[in-house]
Every structure is written in structure tokens, then in C-alpha cells.
């Protein structure tokens, strides 16, 4: 699993496991959610985006299934 801190007003930490296409996002609130069936290019786009929050809202939120992991 690849994990890294990100510079964002909403997101603080992003992890991605390519083998199972899991994207874990930790928000500044402290909650972490796992998004499933997320292709690698979506993770790459999130990391490369100048606005991580905007990218999340546009390309991840409401599109991929998720559940809270903490």
C-alpha cells in the first residue's frame, strides 16, 4: 500500500493499494474512509491535482463505493 500526506484543506492522508484497488482517505476530521474499485489512474489524478478536495468531489465522492474504517 502506498501512503502519503497531501496538502489539502479537507484531506490529510491518502493510501492506495493497487492490487485490490482500495483508496483510503483520511480527512482532517480524523475519519478514514475506504473507497473500493478505484482504478490507479484515479489515485494518480488525485495525487497530481492542484486541488485535492475539488478532485475528490468531482471524481471520487458519490462514484465509488465506500465505508468508514475509523
PDB file of N, CA and C in Angstrom:
ATOM      1  N   UNK A   1       0.858  -1.177   0.000  1.00  0.00           N
ATOM      2  CA  UNK A   1       0.000   0.000   0.000  1.00  0.00           C
ATOM      3  C   UNK A   1       0.899   1.234   0.000  1.00  0.00           C
ATOM      4  N   UNK A   2       0.581   2.163  -0.877  1.00  0.00           N
ATOM      5  CA  UNK A   2       1.313   3.419  -0.980  1.00  0.00           C
ATOM      6  C   UNK A   2       0.538   4.471  -0.194  1.00  0.00           C
ATOM      7  N   UNK A   3       1.221   5.118   0.778  1.00  0.00           N
ATOM      8  CA  UNK A   3       0.567   6.133   1.604  1.00  0.00           C
ATOM      9  C   UNK A   3       1.364   7.431   1.570  1.00  0.00           C
ATOM     10  N   UNK A   4       0.651   8.544   1.605  1.00  0.00           N
ATOM     11  CA  UNK A   4       1.339   9.827   1.666  1.00  0.00           C
ATOM     12  C   UNK A   4       0.421  10.912   2.210  1.00  0.00           C
ATOM     13  N   UNK A   5       1.054  11.878   2.895  1.00  0.00           N
ATOM     14  CA  UNK A   5       0.330  13.058   3.328  1.00  0.00           C
ATOM     15  C   UNK A   5       0.091  13.928   2.108  1.00  0.00           C
ATOM     16  N   UNK A   6      -1.029  14.640   2.099  1.00  0.00           N
ATOM     17  CA  UNK A   6      -1.328  15.537   0.993  1.00  0.00           C
ATOM     18  C   UNK A   6      -1.640  16.927   1.535  1.00  0.00           C
ATOM     19  N   UNK A   7      -1.359  17.920   0.717  1.00  0.00           N
ATOM     20  CA  UNK A   7      -1.650  19.301   1.076  1.00  0.00           C
ATOM     21  C   UNK A   7      -3.048  19.634   0.586  1.00  0.00           C
ATOM     22  N   UNK A   8      -3.969  19.742   1.530  1.00  0.00           N
ATOM     23  CA  UNK A   8      -5.368  19.988   1.192  1.00  0.00           C
ATOM     24  C   UNK A   8      -6.072  20.577   2.405  1.00  0.00           C
ATOM     25  N   UNK A   9      -7.099  21.365   2.144  1.00  0.00           N
ATOM     26  CA  UNK A   9      -7.864  21.924   3.258  1.00  0.00           C
ATOM     27  C   UNK A   9      -8.843  20.908   3.835  1.00  0.00           C
ATOM     28  N   UNK A  10      -9.090  19.806   3.133  1.00  0.00           N
ATOM     29  CA  UNK A  10     -10.056  18.801   3.582  1.00  0.00           C
ATOM     30  C   UNK A  10      -9.425  17.435   3.824  1.00  0.00           C
ATOM     31  N   UNK A  11      -8.521  17.012   2.957  1.00  0.00           N
ATOM     32  CA  UNK A  11      -7.887  15.701   3.045  1.00  0.00           C
ATOM     33  C   UNK A  11      -6.520  15.839   3.706  1.00  0.00           C
ATOM     34  N   UNK A  12      -6.142  14.825   4.498  1.00  0.00           N
ATOM     35  CA  UNK A  12      -4.815  14.900   5.112  1.00  0.00           C
ATOM     36  C   UNK A  12      -3.895  13.763   4.702  1.00  0.00           C
ATOM     37  N   UNK A  13      -4.444  12.600   4.396  1.00  0.00           N
ATOM     38  CA  UNK A  13      -3.613  11.425   4.147  1.00  0.00           C
ATOM     39  C   UNK A  13      -4.318  10.540   3.131  1.00  0.00           C
ATOM     40  N   UNK A  14      -3.557  10.016   2.174  1.00  0.00           N
ATOM     41  CA  UNK A  14      -4.120   9.168   1.128  1.00  0.00           C
ATOM     42  C   UNK A  14      -3.274   7.897   1.005  1.00  0.00           C
ATOM     43  N   UNK A  15      -3.937   6.741   0.981  1.00  0.00           N
ATOM     44  CA  UNK A  15      -3.267   5.459   0.769  1.00  0.00           C
ATOM     45  C   UNK A  15      -3.943   4.749  -0.398  1.00  0.00           C
ATOM     46  N   UNK A  16      -3.132   4.050  -1.186  1.00  0.00           N
ATOM     47  CA  UNK A  16      -3.700   3.311  -2.319  1.00  0.00           C
ATOM     48  C   UNK A  16      -3.053   1.937  -2.419  1.00  0.00           C
ATOM     49  N   UNK A  17      -3.885   0.912  -2.577  1.00  0.00           N
ATOM     50  CA  UNK A  17      -3.405  -0.455  -2.775  1.00  0.00           C
ATOM     51  C   UNK A  17      -3.893  -0.924  -4.149  1.00  0.00           C
ATOM     52  N   UNK A  18      -2.969  -0.939  -5.095  1.00  0.00           N
ATOM     53  CA  UNK A  18      -3.303  -1.212  -6.490  1.00  0.00           C
ATOM     54  C   UNK A  18      -3.850  -2.619  -6.714  1.00  0.00           C
ATOM     55  N   UNK A  19      -3.335  -3.602  -6.015  1.00  0.00           N
ATOM     56  CA  UNK A  19      -3.755  -4.990  -6.235  1.00  0.00           C
ATOM     57  C   UNK A  19      -5.253  -5.188  -6.006  1.00  0.00           C
ATOM     58  N   UNK A  20      -5.816  -4.471  -5.055  1.00  0.00           N
ATOM     59  CA  UNK A  20      -7.245  -4.617  -4.733  1.00  0.00           C
ATOM     60  C   UNK A  20      -8.040  -3.344  -5.039  1.00  0.00           C
ATOM     61  N   UNK A  21      -7.373  -2.339  -5.555  1.00  0.00           N
ATOM     62  CA  UNK A  21      -7.983  -1.058  -5.932  1.00  0.00           C
ATOM     63  C   UNK A  21      -8.715  -0.387  -4.771  1.00  0.00           C
ATOM     64  N   UNK A  22      -8.027  -0.344  -3.613  1.00  0.00           N
ATOM     65  CA  UNK A  22      -8.570   0.341  -2.437  1.00  0.00           C
ATOM     66  C   UNK A  22      -7.889   1.694  -2.298  1.00  0.00           C
ATOM     67  N   UNK A  23      -8.691   2.719  -2.126  1.00  0.00           N
ATOM     68  CA  UNK A  23      -8.198   4.063  -1.874  1.00  0.00           C
ATOM     69  C   UNK A  23      -8.690   4.481  -0.498  1.00  0.00           C
ATOM     70  N   UNK A  24      -7.762   4.659   0.440  1.00  0.00           N
ATOM     71  CA  UNK A  24      -8.106   5.097   1.792  1.00  0.00           C
ATOM     72  C   UNK A  24      -7.810   6.585   1.902  1.00  0.00           C
ATOM     73  N   UNK A  25      -8.789   7.336   2.355  1.00  0.00           N
ATOM     74  CA  UNK A  25      -8.620   8.773   2.517  1.00  0.00           C
ATOM     75  C   UNK A  25      -8.932   9.143   3.957  1.00  0.00           C
ATOM     76  N   UNK A  26      -7.963   9.816   4.588  1.00  0.00           N
ATOM     77  CA  UNK A  26      -8.156  10.345   5.935  1.00  0.00           C
ATOM     78  C   UNK A  26      -8.390  11.842   5.809  1.00  0.00           C
ATOM     79  N   UNK A  27      -9.460  12.291   6.423  1.00  0.00           N
ATOM     80  CA  UNK A  27      -9.825  13.697   6.381  1.00  0.00           C
ATOM     81  C   UNK A  27      -9.284  14.397   7.619  1.00  0.00           C
ATOM     82  N   UNK A  28      -9.233  15.712   7.585  1.00  0.00           N
ATOM     83  CA  UNK A  28      -8.742  16.473   8.733  1.00  0.00           C
ATOM     84  C   UNK A  28      -9.582  16.234   9.981  1.00  0.00           C
ATOM     85  N   UNK A  29     -10.812  15.796   9.813  1.00  0.00           N
ATOM     86  CA  UNK A  29     -11.667  15.481  10.960  1.00  0.00           C
ATOM     87  C   UNK A  29     -11.155  14.260  11.723  1.00  0.00           C
ATOM     88  N   UNK A  30     -10.272  13.467  11.072  1.00  0.00           N
ATOM     89  CA  UNK A  30      -9.744  12.257  11.677  1.00  0.00           C
ATOM     90  C   UNK A  30     -10.402  10.994  11.154  1.00  0.00           C
ATOM     91  N   UNK A  31     -11.507  11.124  10.458  1.00  0.00           N
ATOM     92  CA  UNK A  31     -12.204   9.961   9.891  1.00  0.00           C
ATOM     93  C   UNK A  31     -11.465   9.451   8.654  1.00  0.00           C
ATOM     94  N   UNK A  32     -11.434   8.114   8.521  1.00  0.00           N
ATOM     95  CA  UNK A  32     -10.827   7.491   7.347  1.00  0.00           C
ATOM     96  C   UNK A  32     -11.864   6.634   6.656  1.00  0.00           C
ATOM     97  N   UNK A  33     -11.941   6.788   5.344  1.00  0.00           N
ATOM     98  CA  UNK A  33     -12.886   6.031   4.533  1.00  0.00           C
ATOM     99  C   UNK A  33     -12.127   5.242   3.483  1.00  0.00           C
ATOM    100  N   UNK A  34     -12.617   4.049   3.201  1.00  0.00           N
ATOM    101  CA  UNK A  34     -12.046   3.209   2.148  1.00  0.00           C
ATOM    102  C   UNK A  34     -12.991   3.216   0.953  1.00  0.00           C
ATOM    103  N   UNK A  35     -12.465   3.643  -0.180  1.00  0.00           N
ATOM    104  CA  UNK A  35     -13.202   3.633  -1.442  1.00  0.00           C
ATOM    105  C   UNK A  35     -12.720   2.423  -2.221  1.00  0.00           C
ATOM    106  N   UNK A  36     -13.649   1.639  -2.755  1.00  0.00           N
ATOM    107  CA  UNK A  36     -13.296   0.385  -3.416  1.00  0.00           C
ATOM    108  C   UNK A  36     -13.471   0.478  -4.921  1.00  0.00           C
ATOM    109  N   UNK A  37     -12.774  -0.406  -5.616  1.00  0.00           N
ATOM    110  CA  UNK A  37     -12.815  -0.486  -7.087  1.00  0.00           C
ATOM    111  C   UNK A  37     -12.339   0.807  -7.742  1.00  0.00           C
ATOM    112  N   UNK A  38     -11.357   1.453  -7.128  1.00  0.00           N
ATOM    113  CA  UNK A  38     -10.832   2.717  -7.649  1.00  0.00           C
ATOM    114  C   UNK A  38      -9.613   2.419  -8.534  1.00  0.00           C
ATOM    115  N   UNK A  39      -9.686   2.745  -9.819  1.00  0.00           N
ATOM    116  CA  UNK A  39      -8.560   2.485 -10.718  1.00  0.00           C
ATOM    117  C   UNK A  39      -7.334   3.327 -10.344  1.00  0.00           C
ATOM    118  N   UNK A  40      -6.174   2.831 -10.717  1.00  0.00           N
ATOM    119  CA  UNK A  40      -4.920   3.514 -10.401  1.00  0.00           C
ATOM    120  C   UNK A  40      -4.877   4.931 -10.968  1.00  0.00           C
ATOM    121  N   UNK A  41      -5.462   5.143 -12.135  1.00  0.00           N
ATOM    122  CA  UNK A  41      -5.394   6.482 -12.728  1.00  0.00           C
ATOM    123  C   UNK A  41      -6.185   7.514 -11.908  1.00  0.00           C
ATOM    124  N   UNK A  42      -7.196   7.076 -11.178  1.00  0.00           N
ATOM    125  CA  UNK A  42      -7.945   7.997 -10.307  1.00  0.00           C
ATOM    126  C   UNK A  42      -7.063   8.397  -9.120  1.00  0.00           C
ATOM    127  N   UNK A  43      -6.368   7.421  -8.543  1.00  0.00           N
ATOM    128  CA  UNK A  43      -5.424   7.735  -7.461  1.00  0.00           C
ATOM    129  C   UNK A  43      -4.353   8.693  -7.963  1.00  0.00           C
ATOM    130  N   UNK A  44      -3.794   8.403  -9.134  1.00  0.00           N
ATOM    131  CA  UNK A  44      -2.762   9.273  -9.710  1.00  0.00           C
ATOM    132  C   UNK A  44      -3.280  10.677  -9.945  1.00  0.00           C
ATOM    133  N   UNK A  45      -4.505  10.780 -10.429  1.00  0.00           N
ATOM    134  CA  UNK A  45      -5.103  12.095 -10.655  1.00  0.00           C
ATOM    135  C   UNK A  45      -5.295  12.862  -9.364  1.00  0.00           C
ATOM    136  N   UNK A  46      -5.691  12.156  -8.308  1.00  0.00           N
ATOM    137  CA  UNK A  46      -5.869  12.796  -7.009  1.00  0.00           C
ATOM    138  C   UNK A  46      -4.551  13.349  -6.498  1.00  0.00           C
ATOM    139  N   UNK A  47      -3.508  12.545  -6.576  1.00  0.00           N
ATOM    140  CA  UNK A  47      -2.195  12.980  -6.090  1.00  0.00           C
ATOM    141  C   UNK A  47      -1.662  14.156  -6.902  1.00  0.00           C
ATOM    142  N   UNK A  48      -1.919  14.149  -8.196  1.00  0.00           N
ATOM    143  CA  UNK A  48      -1.393  15.201  -9.081  1.00  0.00           C
ATOM    144  C   UNK A  48      -2.243  16.468  -9.074  1.00  0.00           C
ATOM    145  N   UNK A  49      -3.466  16.393  -8.600  1.00  0.00           N
ATOM    146  CA  UNK A  49      -4.388  17.533  -8.674  1.00  0.00           C
ATOM    147  C   UNK A  49      -3.901  18.723  -7.845  1.00  0.00           C
ATOM    148  N   UNK A  50      -4.082  19.902  -8.385  1.00  0.00           N
ATOM    149  CA  UNK A  50      -3.707  21.103  -7.634  1.00  0.00           C
ATOM    150  C   UNK A  50      -4.678  21.331  -6.467  1.00  0.00           C
ATOM    151  N   UNK A  51      -5.925  20.914  -6.639  1.00  0.00           N
ATOM    152  CA  UNK A  51      -6.908  20.964  -5.554  1.00  0.00           C
ATOM    153  C   UNK A  51      -7.398  19.544  -5.286  1.00  0.00           C
ATOM    154  N   UNK A  52      -6.867  18.939  -4.237  1.00  0.00           N
ATOM    155  CA  UNK A  52      -7.230  17.562  -3.898  1.00  0.00           C
ATOM    156  C   UNK A  52      -8.711  17.454  -3.538  1.00  0.00           C
ATOM    157  N   UNK A  53      -9.223  18.422  -2.807  1.00  0.00           N
ATOM    158  CA  UNK A  53     -10.624  18.412  -2.412  1.00  0.00           C
ATOM    159  C   UNK A  53     -11.560  18.500  -3.607  1.00  0.00           C
ATOM    160  N   UNK A  54     -11.230  19.354  -4.541  1.00  0.00           N
ATOM    161  CA  UNK A  54     -12.065  19.500  -5.742  1.00  0.00           C
ATOM    162  C   UNK A  54     -12.031  18.219  -6.572  1.00  0.00           C
ATOM    163  N   UNK A  55     -10.839  17.622  -6.703  1.00  0.00           N
ATOM    164  CA  UNK A  55     -10.715  16.367  -7.455  1.00  0.00           C
ATOM    165  C   UNK A  55     -11.530  15.263  -6.767  1.00  0.00           C
ATOM    166  N   UNK A  56     -11.414  15.186  -5.451  1.00  0.00           N
ATOM    167  CA  UNK A  56     -12.177  14.203  -4.689  1.00  0.00           C
ATOM    168  C   UNK A  56     -13.672  14.376  -4.931  1.00  0.00           C
ATOM    169  N   UNK A  57     -14.156  15.606  -4.824  1.00  0.00           N
ATOM    170  CA  UNK A  57     -15.586  15.871  -5.019  1.00  0.00           C
ATOM    171  C   UNK A  57     -16.052  15.514  -6.432  1.00  0.00           C
ATOM    172  N   UNK A  58     -15.214  15.756  -7.413  1.00  0.00           N
ATOM    173  CA  UNK A  58     -15.604  15.574  -8.808  1.00  0.00           C
ATOM    174  C   UNK A  58     -15.463  14.135  -9.301  1.00  0.00           C
ATOM    175  N   UNK A  59     -14.407  13.426  -8.856  1.00  0.00           N
ATOM    176  CA  UNK A  59     -14.089  12.132  -9.458  1.00  0.00           C
ATOM    177  C   UNK A  59     -14.189  10.919  -8.530  1.00  0.00           C
ATOM    178  N   UNK A  60     -14.399  11.142  -7.236  1.00  0.00           N
ATOM    179  CA  UNK A  60     -14.421  10.015  -6.293  1.00  0.00           C
ATOM    180  C   UNK A  60     -15.720   9.982  -5.480  1.00  0.00           C
ATOM    181  N   UNK A  61     -16.034  11.057  -4.813  1.00  0.00           N
ATOM    182  CA  UNK A  61     -17.210  11.129  -3.935  1.00  0.00           C
ATOM    183  C   UNK A  61     -18.488  10.842  -4.727  1.00  0.00           C
ATOM    184  N   UNK A  62     -19.268   9.902  -4.239  1.00  0.00           N
ATOM    185  CA  UNK A  62     -20.523   9.567  -4.875  1.00  0.00           C
ATOM    186  C   UNK A  62     -20.400   8.674  -6.100  1.00  0.00           C
ATOM    187  N   UNK A  63     -19.176   8.328  -6.465  1.00  0.00           N
ATOM    188  CA  UNK A  63     -18.950   7.479  -7.645  1.00  0.00           C
ATOM    189  C   UNK A  63     -18.527   6.071  -7.236  1.00  0.00           C
ATOM    190  N   UNK A  64     -17.608   5.995  -6.284  1.00  0.00           N
ATOM    191  CA  UNK A  64     -17.095   4.687  -5.851  1.00  0.00           C
ATOM    192  C   UNK A  64     -17.705   4.282  -4.522  1.00  0.00           C
ATOM    193  N   UNK A  65     -17.977   2.988  -4.358  1.00  0.00           N
ATOM    194  CA  UNK A  65     -18.499   2.508  -3.064  1.00  0.00           C
ATOM    195  C   UNK A  65     -17.464   2.769  -1.960  1.00  0.00           C
ATOM    196  N   UNK A  66     -17.950   3.016  -0.765  1.00  0.00           N
ATOM    197  CA  UNK A  66     -17.035   3.309   0.349  1.00  0.00           C
ATOM    198  C   UNK A  66     -17.633   2.853   1.663  1.00  0.00           C
ATOM    199  N   UNK A  67     -16.766   2.781   2.643  1.00  0.00           N
ATOM    200  CA  UNK A  67     -17.198   2.544   4.023  1.00  0.00           C
ATOM    201  C   UNK A  67     -16.157   3.143   4.955  1.00  0.00           C
ATOM    202  N   UNK A  68     -16.608   3.465   6.155  1.00  0.00           N
ATOM    203  CA  UNK A  68     -15.726   4.067   7.147  1.00  0.00           C
ATOM    204  C   UNK A  68     -14.880   2.981   7.794  1.00  0.00           C
ATOM    205  N   UNK A  69     -13.583   3.237   7.898  1.00  0.00           N
ATOM    206  CA  UNK A  69     -12.716   2.264   8.578  1.00  0.00           C
ATOM    207  C   UNK A  69     -12.201   2.792   9.919  1.00  0.00           C
ATOM    208  N   UNK A  70     -12.341   4.076  10.195  1.00  0.00           N
ATOM    209  CA  UNK A  70     -12.073   4.643  11.532  1.00  0.00           C
ATOM    210  C   UNK A  70     -12.488   6.075  11.604  1.00  0.00           C
TER     211      UNK A  70
END
